């Protein structure tokens, strides 16, 4: 469970960096209204809130790691986040090919 949650946090970190990068390049926009609001205010504020949510999720999954629902939940979120990262790479490829 530890490696699953660390992987989840790592994907969260990569997602935050790529989100800021692609939005500042004009390649995409933030779909989450709250996070879009934070991005309008400050990249650092967005980044800190995004990582705080990741740390909180990691703590919750680790605290209740003996529960089956926590293990399945962490794996499910990890799979979903993997698809989010795939979308980031697709956005990047399309953005680069556009130029």
N, C-alpha and C. Protein backbone atom coordinates (compact mmCIF):
# COMPACT_ATOMS: atom_id res chain seq x y z
N UNK A 1 0.82 -1.19 0.00
CA UNK A 1 0.00 0.00 0.00
C UNK A 1 0.86 1.26 0.00
N UNK A 2 2.02 1.18 0.65
CA UNK A 2 2.90 2.35 0.69
C UNK A 2 3.31 2.76 -0.71
N UNK A 3 3.73 1.79 -1.54
CA UNK A 3 4.18 2.12 -2.89
C UNK A 3 3.04 2.62 -3.77
N UNK A 4 1.85 2.11 -3.53
CA UNK A 4 0.67 2.59 -4.27
C UNK A 4 0.41 4.05 -3.96
N UNK A 5 0.45 4.41 -2.68
CA UNK A 5 0.18 5.79 -2.31
C UNK A 5 1.31 6.73 -2.73
N UNK A 6 2.55 6.26 -2.66
CA UNK A 6 3.66 7.09 -3.14
C UNK A 6 3.53 7.30 -4.65
N UNK A 7 3.16 6.26 -5.37
CA UNK A 7 2.94 6.39 -6.81
C UNK A 7 1.81 7.37 -7.10
N UNK A 8 0.76 7.30 -6.32
CA UNK A 8 -0.37 8.20 -6.47
C UNK A 8 0.06 9.65 -6.23
N UNK A 9 0.83 9.87 -5.18
CA UNK A 9 1.31 11.22 -4.90
C UNK A 9 2.24 11.71 -6.01
N UNK A 10 3.08 10.83 -6.53
CA UNK A 10 4.00 11.20 -7.61
C UNK A 10 3.21 11.61 -8.85
N UNK A 11 2.17 10.86 -9.19
CA UNK A 11 1.33 11.23 -10.32
C UNK A 11 0.63 12.56 -10.06
N UNK A 12 0.22 12.80 -8.83
CA UNK A 12 -0.40 14.07 -8.46
C UNK A 12 0.59 15.22 -8.68
N UNK A 13 1.82 15.02 -8.28
CA UNK A 13 2.86 16.04 -8.46
C UNK A 13 3.10 16.32 -9.95
N UNK A 14 3.23 15.26 -10.74
CA UNK A 14 3.45 15.42 -12.18
C UNK A 14 2.25 16.11 -12.82
N UNK A 15 1.05 15.72 -12.40
CA UNK A 15 -0.17 16.34 -12.91
C UNK A 15 -0.18 17.84 -12.62
N UNK A 16 0.21 18.23 -11.42
CA UNK A 16 0.23 19.64 -11.06
C UNK A 16 1.20 20.43 -11.94
N UNK A 17 2.39 19.90 -12.12
CA UNK A 17 3.42 20.58 -12.92
C UNK A 17 2.97 20.68 -14.38
N UNK A 18 2.48 19.57 -14.94
CA UNK A 18 2.06 19.59 -16.34
C UNK A 18 0.83 20.46 -16.55
N UNK A 19 -0.08 20.48 -15.59
CA UNK A 19 -1.26 21.33 -15.70
C UNK A 19 -0.84 22.79 -15.80
N UNK A 20 0.02 23.22 -14.91
CA UNK A 20 0.50 24.61 -14.96
C UNK A 20 1.21 24.88 -16.29
N UNK A 21 2.07 23.96 -16.69
CA UNK A 21 2.84 24.14 -17.92
C UNK A 21 1.92 24.28 -19.14
N UNK A 22 0.97 23.34 -19.33
CA UNK A 22 0.13 23.37 -20.52
C UNK A 22 -0.85 24.54 -20.50
N UNK A 23 -1.32 24.92 -19.33
CA UNK A 23 -2.22 26.06 -19.26
C UNK A 23 -1.48 27.35 -19.59
N UNK A 24 -0.29 27.51 -19.07
CA UNK A 24 0.50 28.72 -19.35
C UNK A 24 0.94 28.79 -20.82
N UNK A 25 1.06 27.63 -21.46
CA UNK A 25 1.39 27.58 -22.90
C UNK A 25 0.15 27.82 -23.76
N UNK A 26 -1.04 27.81 -23.14
CA UNK A 26 -2.27 27.99 -23.89
C UNK A 26 -2.77 26.73 -24.57
N UNK A 27 -2.28 25.59 -24.16
CA UNK A 27 -2.65 24.33 -24.80
C UNK A 27 -3.95 23.75 -24.28
N UNK A 28 -4.34 24.12 -23.07
CA UNK A 28 -5.54 23.53 -22.47
C UNK A 28 -6.06 24.47 -21.38
N UNK A 29 -7.11 24.04 -20.70
CA UNK A 29 -7.64 24.80 -19.56
C UNK A 29 -7.91 23.80 -18.43
N UNK A 30 -8.07 24.32 -17.24
CA UNK A 30 -8.34 23.47 -16.07
C UNK A 30 -9.84 23.17 -16.02
N UNK A 31 -10.20 21.90 -15.94
CA UNK A 31 -11.60 21.48 -15.93
C UNK A 31 -12.25 21.68 -14.55
N UNK A 32 -11.47 21.59 -13.48
CA UNK A 32 -11.99 21.73 -12.12
C UNK A 32 -12.12 23.22 -11.80
N UNK A 33 -13.33 23.67 -11.51
CA UNK A 33 -13.59 25.09 -11.31
C UNK A 33 -12.79 25.67 -10.14
N UNK A 34 -12.70 24.94 -9.05
CA UNK A 34 -11.94 25.43 -7.90
C UNK A 34 -10.46 25.57 -8.25
N UNK A 35 -9.91 24.55 -8.90
CA UNK A 35 -8.50 24.61 -9.26
C UNK A 35 -8.25 25.69 -10.31
N UNK A 36 -9.20 25.90 -11.22
CA UNK A 36 -9.07 26.97 -12.21
C UNK A 36 -9.03 28.33 -11.51
N UNK A 37 -9.87 28.49 -10.50
CA UNK A 37 -9.88 29.72 -9.72
C UNK A 37 -8.52 29.94 -9.04
N UNK A 38 -7.98 28.88 -8.45
CA UNK A 38 -6.68 28.99 -7.80
C UNK A 38 -5.58 29.31 -8.80
N UNK A 39 -5.66 28.74 -9.98
CA UNK A 39 -4.66 29.02 -11.03
C UNK A 39 -4.72 30.48 -11.47
N UNK A 40 -5.92 31.05 -11.48
CA UNK A 40 -6.05 32.48 -11.83
C UNK A 40 -5.36 33.35 -10.79
N UNK A 41 -5.39 32.91 -9.55
CA UNK A 41 -4.77 33.67 -8.46
C UNK A 41 -3.26 33.53 -8.45
N UNK A 42 -2.77 32.27 -8.54
CA UNK A 42 -1.34 32.05 -8.42
C UNK A 42 -1.00 30.60 -8.75
N UNK A 43 0.06 30.42 -9.51
CA UNK A 43 0.54 29.06 -9.79
C UNK A 43 0.98 28.37 -8.50
N UNK A 44 1.62 29.13 -7.62
CA UNK A 44 2.11 28.55 -6.36
C UNK A 44 0.94 28.13 -5.48
N UNK A 45 -0.09 28.96 -5.41
CA UNK A 45 -1.28 28.61 -4.62
C UNK A 45 -1.92 27.33 -5.18
N UNK A 46 -2.09 27.26 -6.49
CA UNK A 46 -2.62 26.06 -7.13
C UNK A 46 -1.78 24.84 -6.76
N UNK A 47 -0.47 24.98 -6.91
CA UNK A 47 0.46 23.88 -6.66
C UNK A 47 0.38 23.42 -5.20
N UNK A 48 0.36 24.35 -4.27
CA UNK A 48 0.30 23.99 -2.85
C UNK A 48 -1.00 23.30 -2.48
N UNK A 49 -2.11 23.80 -3.01
CA UNK A 49 -3.41 23.17 -2.71
C UNK A 49 -3.46 21.77 -3.34
N UNK A 50 -3.01 21.66 -4.58
CA UNK A 50 -3.01 20.37 -5.27
C UNK A 50 -2.18 19.34 -4.50
N UNK A 51 -0.98 19.74 -4.06
CA UNK A 51 -0.13 18.81 -3.31
C UNK A 51 -0.71 18.53 -1.93
N UNK A 52 -1.35 19.50 -1.32
CA UNK A 52 -1.97 19.28 -0.01
C UNK A 52 -3.07 18.23 -0.10
N UNK A 53 -3.87 18.29 -1.15
CA UNK A 53 -4.92 17.29 -1.36
C UNK A 53 -4.28 15.92 -1.56
N UNK A 54 -3.18 15.87 -2.32
CA UNK A 54 -2.47 14.60 -2.53
C UNK A 54 -1.91 14.04 -1.24
N UNK A 55 -1.35 14.89 -0.41
CA UNK A 55 -0.81 14.45 0.88
C UNK A 55 -1.94 13.96 1.79
N UNK A 56 -3.05 14.67 1.78
CA UNK A 56 -4.20 14.25 2.59
C UNK A 56 -4.72 12.88 2.13
N UNK A 57 -4.84 12.70 0.81
CA UNK A 57 -5.30 11.41 0.29
C UNK A 57 -4.32 10.31 0.66
N UNK A 58 -3.04 10.59 0.56
CA UNK A 58 -2.02 9.60 0.91
C UNK A 58 -2.14 9.22 2.39
N UNK A 59 -2.34 10.20 3.24
CA UNK A 59 -2.47 9.94 4.68
C UNK A 59 -3.70 9.10 4.99
N UNK A 60 -4.82 9.41 4.31
CA UNK A 60 -6.05 8.66 4.53
C UNK A 60 -5.89 7.21 4.09
N UNK A 61 -5.33 7.01 2.89
CA UNK A 61 -5.14 5.65 2.41
C UNK A 61 -4.19 4.86 3.32
N UNK A 62 -3.15 5.50 3.80
CA UNK A 62 -2.20 4.79 4.67
C UNK A 62 -2.78 4.51 6.05
N UNK A 63 -3.58 5.45 6.56
CA UNK A 63 -4.16 5.26 7.89
C UNK A 63 -5.10 4.05 7.90
N UNK A 64 -5.87 3.89 6.84
CA UNK A 64 -6.84 2.80 6.78
C UNK A 64 -6.42 1.72 5.77
N UNK A 65 -5.13 1.51 5.66
CA UNK A 65 -4.60 0.56 4.66
C UNK A 65 -5.07 -0.88 4.89
N UNK A 66 -5.46 -1.22 6.10
CA UNK A 66 -5.91 -2.59 6.35
C UNK A 66 -7.33 -2.83 5.83
N UNK A 67 -8.05 -1.77 5.51
CA UNK A 67 -9.41 -1.92 4.98
C UNK A 67 -9.36 -2.18 3.48
N UNK A 68 -10.13 -3.14 3.05
CA UNK A 68 -10.18 -3.50 1.63
C UNK A 68 -10.61 -2.31 0.77
N UNK A 69 -11.57 -1.53 1.24
CA UNK A 69 -12.06 -0.40 0.46
C UNK A 69 -10.95 0.65 0.25
N UNK A 70 -10.09 0.82 1.22
CA UNK A 70 -8.97 1.76 1.08
C UNK A 70 -7.98 1.26 0.04
N UNK A 71 -7.69 -0.03 0.08
CA UNK A 71 -6.75 -0.60 -0.90
C UNK A 71 -7.32 -0.51 -2.31
N UNK A 72 -8.58 -0.91 -2.48
CA UNK A 72 -9.21 -0.83 -3.79
C UNK A 72 -9.36 0.62 -4.24
N UNK A 73 -9.68 1.48 -3.29
CA UNK A 73 -9.82 2.90 -3.62
C UNK A 73 -8.51 3.49 -4.12
N UNK A 74 -7.41 3.17 -3.44
CA UNK A 74 -6.10 3.69 -3.84
C UNK A 74 -5.72 3.18 -5.22
N UNK A 75 -5.97 1.92 -5.48
CA UNK A 75 -5.65 1.35 -6.79
C UNK A 75 -6.53 1.97 -7.88
N UNK A 76 -7.81 2.17 -7.59
CA UNK A 76 -8.72 2.79 -8.55
C UNK A 76 -8.27 4.21 -8.88
N UNK A 77 -7.93 4.98 -7.86
CA UNK A 77 -7.47 6.35 -8.09
C UNK A 77 -6.16 6.35 -8.85
N UNK A 78 -5.29 5.41 -8.58
CA UNK A 78 -4.02 5.29 -9.30
C UNK A 78 -4.26 5.03 -10.79
N UNK A 79 -5.19 4.16 -11.10
CA UNK A 79 -5.53 3.89 -12.50
C UNK A 79 -6.11 5.13 -13.17
N UNK A 80 -7.02 5.81 -12.48
CA UNK A 80 -7.62 7.03 -13.04
C UNK A 80 -6.55 8.09 -13.27
N UNK A 81 -5.66 8.27 -12.31
CA UNK A 81 -4.59 9.26 -12.45
C UNK A 81 -3.65 8.89 -13.60
N UNK A 82 -3.47 7.61 -13.84
CA UNK A 82 -2.64 7.19 -14.98
C UNK A 82 -3.26 7.66 -16.29
N UNK A 83 -4.58 7.58 -16.38
CA UNK A 83 -5.26 8.08 -17.57
C UNK A 83 -5.16 9.60 -17.68
N UNK A 84 -5.21 10.28 -16.55
CA UNK A 84 -5.03 11.74 -16.56
C UNK A 84 -3.66 12.10 -17.12
N UNK A 85 -2.64 11.36 -16.71
CA UNK A 85 -1.29 11.62 -17.23
C UNK A 85 -1.22 11.31 -18.71
N UNK A 86 -1.91 10.28 -19.14
CA UNK A 86 -1.97 9.97 -20.57
C UNK A 86 -2.59 11.14 -21.33
N UNK A 87 -3.63 11.73 -20.77
CA UNK A 87 -4.24 12.91 -21.39
C UNK A 87 -3.25 14.06 -21.48
N UNK A 88 -2.44 14.26 -20.45
CA UNK A 88 -1.42 15.30 -20.48
C UNK A 88 -0.47 15.09 -21.66
N UNK A 89 -0.03 13.86 -21.84
CA UNK A 89 0.89 13.56 -22.94
C UNK A 89 0.22 13.73 -24.29
N UNK A 90 -1.07 13.40 -24.37
CA UNK A 90 -1.80 13.61 -25.62
C UNK A 90 -1.95 15.09 -25.93
N UNK A 91 -2.26 15.89 -24.91
CA UNK A 91 -2.35 17.34 -25.09
C UNK A 91 -1.01 17.88 -25.56
N UNK A 92 0.06 17.42 -24.95
CA UNK A 92 1.39 17.86 -25.35
C UNK A 92 1.71 17.51 -26.78
N UNK A 93 1.40 16.28 -27.16
CA UNK A 93 1.66 15.85 -28.54
C UNK A 93 0.86 16.67 -29.54
N UNK A 94 -0.41 16.89 -29.25
CA UNK A 94 -1.24 17.69 -30.15
C UNK A 94 -0.76 19.13 -30.22
N UNK A 95 -0.36 19.68 -29.09
CA UNK A 95 0.13 21.06 -29.04
C UNK A 95 1.42 21.21 -29.84
N UNK A 96 2.31 20.25 -29.70
CA UNK A 96 3.58 20.30 -30.43
C UNK A 96 3.35 20.11 -31.93
N UNK A 97 2.45 19.20 -32.29
CA UNK A 97 2.16 18.94 -33.70
C UNK A 97 1.47 20.12 -34.37
N UNK A 98 0.75 20.91 -33.57
CA UNK A 98 0.03 22.09 -34.09
C UNK A 98 1.02 23.12 -34.64
N UNK A 99 2.15 23.24 -34.00
CA UNK A 99 3.12 24.27 -34.41
C UNK A 99 3.91 23.85 -35.57
